Amino acid sequence: MVSNHGGRVLDYTPATCEVLSEIRQAVGNKMKILVDGGIRTGADVFKALALGADAVLIGRPYAIMAIGNGADAVQMYTEKLINELKDVMLMTGCSTLHDITIDKICVTK
Protein backbone atom coordinates (compact mmCIF):
# COMPACT_ATOMS: atom_id res chain seq x y z
CA MET A 1 0.00 0.00 0.00
CA VAL A 2 1.53 3.29 -1.11
CA SER A 3 -0.07 6.22 0.66
CA ASN A 4 1.00 9.54 2.07
CA HIS A 5 -1.84 10.23 4.45
CA GLY A 6 -0.94 13.58 5.87
CA GLY A 7 0.85 14.61 2.69
CA ARG A 8 -1.77 17.25 2.14
CA VAL A 9 -0.79 18.91 5.41
CA LEU A 10 2.95 18.21 5.34
CA ASP A 11 4.10 19.98 2.21
CA TYR A 12 7.53 18.34 2.21
CA THR A 13 6.14 14.81 1.97
CA PRO A 14 6.50 13.34 -1.54
CA ALA A 15 3.36 12.60 -3.50
CA THR A 16 2.64 8.94 -4.08
CA CYS A 17 3.21 9.39 -7.82
CA GLU A 18 6.75 10.61 -7.09
CA VAL A 19 7.75 7.32 -5.43
CA LEU A 20 5.51 4.79 -7.13
CA SER A 21 7.80 3.74 -9.99
CA GLU A 22 10.78 3.35 -7.62
CA ILE A 23 8.70 1.13 -5.36
CA ARG A 24 7.63 -0.97 -8.36
CA GLN A 25 11.25 -1.33 -9.41
CA ALA A 26 12.24 -2.37 -5.90
CA VAL A 27 9.57 -5.05 -5.44
CA GLY A 28 9.17 -6.12 -9.06
CA ASN A 29 6.21 -8.43 -9.44
CA LYS A 30 6.66 -10.06 -6.03
CA MET A 31 3.64 -8.23 -4.63
CA LYS A 32 0.62 -6.22 -5.64
CA ILE A 33 0.88 -2.46 -5.23
CA LEU A 34 -2.15 -0.41 -4.25
CA VAL A 35 -1.88 3.37 -4.31
CA ASP A 36 -3.92 5.96 -2.47
CA GLY A 37 -3.81 9.71 -2.44
CA GLY A 38 -4.76 12.34 -4.95
CA ILE A 39 -6.55 10.03 -7.38
CA ARG A 40 -9.53 12.03 -8.65
CA THR A 41 -9.93 11.36 -12.40
CA GLY A 42 -9.64 8.54 -14.89
CA ALA A 43 -6.43 10.18 -16.12
CA ASP A 44 -5.07 9.92 -12.56
CA VAL A 45 -5.95 6.22 -12.53
CA PHE A 46 -4.14 5.78 -15.86
CA LYS A 47 -1.02 7.53 -14.56
CA ALA A 48 -0.96 5.46 -11.37
CA LEU A 49 -1.24 2.22 -13.36
CA ALA A 50 1.47 3.41 -15.77
CA LEU A 51 3.77 4.18 -12.83
CA GLY A 52 3.40 0.65 -11.49
CA ALA A 53 0.26 0.41 -9.36
CA ASP A 54 -1.85 -2.71 -9.72
CA ALA A 55 -4.90 -0.85 -8.41
CA VAL A 56 -5.90 2.50 -6.98
CA LEU A 57 -7.91 3.34 -3.89
CA ILE A 58 -10.18 6.35 -3.95
CA GLY A 59 -11.69 7.45 -0.67
CA ARG A 60 -12.49 11.11 -0.24
CA PRO A 61 -14.30 11.69 -3.57
CA TYR A 62 -16.52 8.68 -2.93
CA ALA A 63 -17.27 9.83 0.61
CA ILE A 64 -18.20 13.27 -0.69
CA MET A 65 -20.44 11.76 -3.38
CA ALA A 66 -22.13 9.42 -0.90
CA ILE A 67 -22.79 12.19 1.61
CA GLY A 68 -23.85 14.67 -1.06
CA ASN A 69 -26.33 12.57 -3.01
CA GLY A 70 -26.07 8.93 -1.99
CA ALA A 71 -25.89 5.93 -4.27
CA ASP A 72 -26.80 7.88 -7.41
CA ALA A 73 -23.82 10.19 -7.01
CA VAL A 74 -21.48 7.27 -6.28
CA GLN A 75 -22.66 5.53 -9.46
CA MET A 76 -22.29 8.73 -11.47
CA TYR A 77 -18.75 9.29 -10.18
CA THR A 78 -17.80 5.68 -10.92
CA GLU A 79 -19.11 5.97 -14.48
CA LYS A 80 -17.21 9.26 -14.90
CA LEU A 81 -13.94 7.62 -13.80
CA ILE A 82 -14.47 4.64 -16.11
CA ASN A 83 -15.27 6.85 -19.10
CA GLU A 84 -12.28 9.11 -18.45
CA LEU A 85 -9.98 6.09 -18.15
CA LYS A 86 -11.35 4.64 -21.39
CA ASP A 87 -10.79 7.98 -23.15
CA VAL A 88 -7.16 8.17 -22.02
CA MET A 89 -6.62 4.55 -23.01
CA LEU A 90 -7.98 5.28 -26.49
CA MET A 91 -5.77 8.36 -26.86
CA THR A 92 -2.67 6.40 -25.86
CA GLY A 93 -3.37 3.25 -27.87
CA CYS A 94 -4.10 1.00 -24.92
CA SER A 95 -6.66 -1.73 -25.59
CA THR A 96 -6.42 -3.35 -22.16
CA LEU A 97 -5.27 -2.35 -18.70
CA HIS A 98 -2.16 -4.47 -19.27
CA ASP A 99 -1.21 -2.16 -22.15
CA ILE A 100 -0.84 0.74 -19.73
CA THR A 101 2.90 1.07 -19.18
CA ILE A 102 5.27 3.78 -18.08
CA ASP A 103 6.23 4.60 -21.66
CA LYS A 104 2.66 5.85 -22.21
CA ILE A 105 3.24 8.84 -19.94
CA CYS A 106 5.94 11.49 -19.79
CA VAL A 107 8.12 11.00 -16.75
CA THR A 108 10.86 13.45 -15.81
CA LYS A 109 13.32 13.16 -12.97
C-alpha atoms as a PDB file:
ATOM      1  CA  MET A   1       0.000   0.000   0.000  1.00  0.00           C
ATOM      2  CA  VAL A   2       1.532   3.288  -1.115  1.00  0.00           C
ATOM      3  CA  SER A   3      -0.067   6.223   0.663  1.00  0.00           C
ATOM      4  CA  ASN A   4       1.000   9.536   2.072  1.00  0.00           C
ATOM      5  CA  HIS A   5      -1.840  10.233   4.448  1.00  0.00           C
ATOM      6  CA  GLY A   6      -0.940  13.579   5.870  1.00  0.00           C
ATOM      7  CA  GLY A   7       0.854  14.609   2.690  1.00  0.00           C
ATOM      8  CA  ARG A   8      -1.769  17.254   2.138  1.00  0.00           C
ATOM      9  CA  VAL A   9      -0.789  18.905   5.412  1.00  0.00           C
ATOM     10  CA  LEU A  10       2.948  18.207   5.340  1.00  0.00           C
ATOM     11  CA  ASP A  11       4.098  19.976   2.213  1.00  0.00           C
ATOM     12  CA  TYR A  12       7.531  18.345   2.210  1.00  0.00           C
ATOM     13  CA  THR A  13       6.140  14.809   1.968  1.00  0.00           C
ATOM     14  CA  PRO A  14       6.500  13.337  -1.536  1.00  0.00           C
ATOM     15  CA  ALA A  15       3.362  12.597  -3.497  1.00  0.00           C
ATOM     16  CA  THR A  16       2.637   8.937  -4.082  1.00  0.00           C
ATOM     17  CA  CYS A  17       3.209   9.390  -7.824  1.00  0.00           C
ATOM     18  CA  GLU A  18       6.750  10.607  -7.093  1.00  0.00           C
ATOM     19  CA  VAL A  19       7.753   7.324  -5.433  1.00  0.00           C
ATOM     20  CA  LEU A  20       5.513   4.788  -7.133  1.00  0.00           C
ATOM     21  CA  SER A  21       7.803   3.745  -9.992  1.00  0.00           C
ATOM     22  CA  GLU A  22      10.777   3.354  -7.620  1.00  0.00           C
ATOM     23  CA  ILE A  23       8.696   1.130  -5.360  1.00  0.00           C
ATOM     24  CA  ARG A  24       7.627  -0.971  -8.355  1.00  0.00           C
ATOM     25  CA  GLN A  25      11.254  -1.327  -9.415  1.00  0.00           C
ATOM     26  CA  ALA A  26      12.242  -2.374  -5.896  1.00  0.00           C
ATOM     27  CA  VAL A  27       9.567  -5.047  -5.437  1.00  0.00           C
ATOM     28  CA  GLY A  28       9.173  -6.125  -9.056  1.00  0.00           C
ATOM     29  CA  ASN A  29       6.207  -8.428  -9.445  1.00  0.00           C
ATOM     30  CA  LYS A  30       6.659 -10.057  -6.029  1.00  0.00           C
ATOM     31  CA  MET A  31       3.641  -8.229  -4.628  1.00  0.00           C
ATOM     32  CA  LYS A  32       0.624  -6.218  -5.640  1.00  0.00           C
ATOM     33  CA  ILE A  33       0.881  -2.457  -5.227  1.00  0.00           C
ATOM     34  CA  LEU A  34      -2.155  -0.415  -4.247  1.00  0.00           C
ATOM     35  CA  VAL A  35      -1.882   3.370  -4.313  1.00  0.00           C
ATOM     36  CA  ASP A  36      -3.924   5.961  -2.474  1.00  0.00           C
ATOM     37  CA  GLY A  37      -3.805   9.712  -2.438  1.00  0.00           C
ATOM     38  CA  GLY A  38      -4.764  12.341  -4.946  1.00  0.00           C
ATOM     39  CA  ILE A  39      -6.554  10.033  -7.376  1.00  0.00           C
ATOM     40  CA  ARG A  40      -9.534  12.032  -8.652  1.00  0.00           C
ATOM     41  CA  THR A  41      -9.927  11.358 -12.405  1.00  0.00           C
ATOM     42  CA  GLY A  42      -9.644   8.540 -14.894  1.00  0.00           C
ATOM     43  CA  ALA A  43      -6.427  10.177 -16.115  1.00  0.00           C
ATOM     44  CA  ASP A  44      -5.072   9.919 -12.561  1.00  0.00           C
ATOM     45  CA  VAL A  45      -5.953   6.215 -12.529  1.00  0.00           C
ATOM     46  CA  PHE A  46      -4.142   5.776 -15.859  1.00  0.00           C
ATOM     47  CA  LYS A  47      -1.019   7.532 -14.561  1.00  0.00           C
ATOM     48  CA  ALA A  48      -0.964   5.456 -11.371  1.00  0.00           C
ATOM     49  CA  LEU A  49      -1.243   2.223 -13.363  1.00  0.00           C
ATOM     50  CA  ALA A  50       1.467   3.414 -15.765  1.00  0.00           C
ATOM     51  CA  LEU A  51       3.767   4.181 -12.833  1.00  0.00           C
ATOM     52  CA  GLY A  52       3.397   0.649 -11.490  1.00  0.00           C
ATOM     53  CA  ALA A  53       0.264   0.409  -9.364  1.00  0.00           C
ATOM     54  CA  ASP A  54      -1.851  -2.707  -9.718  1.00  0.00           C
ATOM     55  CA  ALA A  55      -4.900  -0.849  -8.409  1.00  0.00           C
ATOM     56  CA  VAL A  56      -5.902   2.499  -6.976  1.00  0.00           C
ATOM     57  CA  LEU A  57      -7.907   3.343  -3.892  1.00  0.00           C
ATOM     58  CA  ILE A  58     -10.179   6.351  -3.954  1.00  0.00           C
ATOM     59  CA  GLY A  59     -11.687   7.454  -0.671  1.00  0.00           C
ATOM     60  CA  ARG A  60     -12.490  11.105  -0.238  1.00  0.00           C
ATOM     61  CA  PRO A  61     -14.298  11.694  -3.569  1.00  0.00           C
ATOM     62  CA  TYR A  62     -16.518   8.677  -2.930  1.00  0.00           C
ATOM     63  CA  ALA A  63     -17.271   9.826   0.612  1.00  0.00           C
ATOM     64  CA  ILE A  64     -18.197  13.274  -0.691  1.00  0.00           C
ATOM     65  CA  MET A  65     -20.441  11.761  -3.376  1.00  0.00           C
ATOM     66  CA  ALA A  66     -22.129   9.421  -0.901  1.00  0.00           C
ATOM     67  CA  ILE A  67     -22.795  12.185   1.606  1.00  0.00           C
ATOM     68  CA  GLY A  68     -23.851  14.667  -1.061  1.00  0.00           C
ATOM     69  CA  ASN A  69     -26.327  12.572  -3.005  1.00  0.00           C
ATOM     70  CA  GLY A  70     -26.070   8.934  -1.990  1.00  0.00           C
ATOM     71  CA  ALA A  71     -25.892   5.928  -4.272  1.00  0.00           C
ATOM     72  CA  ASP A  72     -26.805   7.880  -7.414  1.00  0.00           C
ATOM     73  CA  ALA A  73     -23.821  10.193  -7.007  1.00  0.00           C
ATOM     74  CA  VAL A  74     -21.484   7.273  -6.282  1.00  0.00           C
ATOM     75  CA  GLN A  75     -22.658   5.526  -9.455  1.00  0.00           C
ATOM     76  CA  MET A  76     -22.293   8.730 -11.475  1.00  0.00           C
ATOM     77  CA  TYR A  77     -18.746   9.290 -10.177  1.00  0.00           C
ATOM     78  CA  THR A  78     -17.796   5.680 -10.921  1.00  0.00           C
ATOM     79  CA  GLU A  79     -19.106   5.969 -14.479  1.00  0.00           C
ATOM     80  CA  LYS A  80     -17.213   9.259 -14.898  1.00  0.00           C
ATOM     81  CA  LEU A  81     -13.937   7.615 -13.799  1.00  0.00           C
ATOM     82  CA  ILE A  82     -14.471   4.643 -16.105  1.00  0.00           C
ATOM     83  CA  ASN A  83     -15.271   6.853 -19.099  1.00  0.00           C
ATOM     84  CA  GLU A  84     -12.276   9.109 -18.452  1.00  0.00           C
ATOM     85  CA  LEU A  85      -9.980   6.090 -18.152  1.00  0.00           C
ATOM     86  CA  LYS A  86     -11.354   4.639 -21.390  1.00  0.00           C
ATOM     87  CA  ASP A  87     -10.793   7.984 -23.150  1.00  0.00           C
ATOM     88  CA  VAL A  88      -7.162   8.165 -22.016  1.00  0.00           C
ATOM     89  CA  MET A  89      -6.617   4.551 -23.011  1.00  0.00           C
ATOM     90  CA  LEU A  90      -7.977   5.281 -26.487  1.00  0.00           C
ATOM     91  CA  MET A  91      -5.774   8.358 -26.865  1.00  0.00           C
ATOM     92  CA  THR A  92      -2.667   6.396 -25.859  1.00  0.00           C
ATOM     93  CA  GLY A  93      -3.374   3.253 -27.873  1.00  0.00           C
ATOM     94  CA  CYS A  94      -4.100   0.999 -24.915  1.00  0.00           C
ATOM     95  CA  SER A  95      -6.664  -1.726 -25.594  1.00  0.00           C
ATOM     96  CA  THR A  96      -6.417  -3.346 -22.165  1.00  0.00           C
ATOM     97  CA  LEU A  97      -5.266  -2.353 -18.695  1.00  0.00           C
ATOM     98  CA  HIS A  98      -2.160  -4.473 -19.271  1.00  0.00           C
ATOM     99  CA  ASP A  99      -1.212  -2.164 -22.148  1.00  0.00           C
ATOM    100  CA  ILE A 100      -0.839   0.742 -19.726  1.00  0.00           C
ATOM    101  CA  THR A 101       2.898   1.067 -19.177  1.00  0.00           C
ATOM    102  CA  ILE A 102       5.270   3.778 -18.076  1.00  0.00           C
ATOM    103  CA  ASP A 103       6.228   4.602 -21.655  1.00  0.00           C
ATOM    104  CA  LYS A 104       2.658   5.853 -22.213  1.00  0.00           C
ATOM    105  CA  ILE A 105       3.245   8.841 -19.942  1.00  0.00           C
ATOM    106  CA  CYS A 106       5.938  11.486 -19.789  1.00  0.00           C
ATOM    107  CA  VAL A 107       8.119  11.002 -16.746  1.00  0.00           C
ATOM    108  CA  THR A 108      10.860  13.455 -15.811  1.00  0.00           C
ATOM    109  CA  LYS A 109      13.322  13.157 -12.972  1.00  0.00           C
END
